[in-house]
C-alpha cells in the first residue's frame, strides 16, 4: 500500500502450506509489517478450515487489515475463508491476479498454494497484494456490493 501506515496482516496455513507461510511471514516482517501467525505451527496434518476461520474472523472484525492463507493449492483456504461475512479471499498464483484482485475486488485475504507456487514467486505475489490499494472506482464498489 502506498501510505505511511502499513496494513496489519494475519497469516495461517495448514501442513501443506506451513513452510511457504514461514518464508512469506519472515519476508513481510523484514519489510516492517506487523504479522501474526495464527497457525498451524508445524508440518503435522491438520484441517485447513480451522486456520481459514481464525484468519478470516480476525480480518472480518478489523483486528487485522489483510490476511494471507497457505494450503496445498490455496483453493481450500479460499473456499473456507469466503464463508465468513466480509471476507473476499482470492486464490492467486500470478502477479497480475494479485494486483487485480486488490484493485478491482478489494480482496482482503490472499490464498496461496504451498505445493503450486515457489517461494520467490509467492513473496512477489504477497508484496503486490499488500502494496496494492483498492481502486475505489464506482463500478468496482457496485459490483462488490452485489455479493457482500
Foldseek 3Di string as FASTA:
>chain_A
DPDDDFWAEEEEEFLQFVVLRVLLVVVVVVVPHHYDYPDDPHNDGDDLLVRLVVRLVCCQVPVTVAYEYEYQAQVVSQVSSVVDPPADEDEDAAQVCLQCCQQQVVHRYYTGHSNRHDNVRVNNSVVNNRPHHHNPDPVSVVVNVVPD
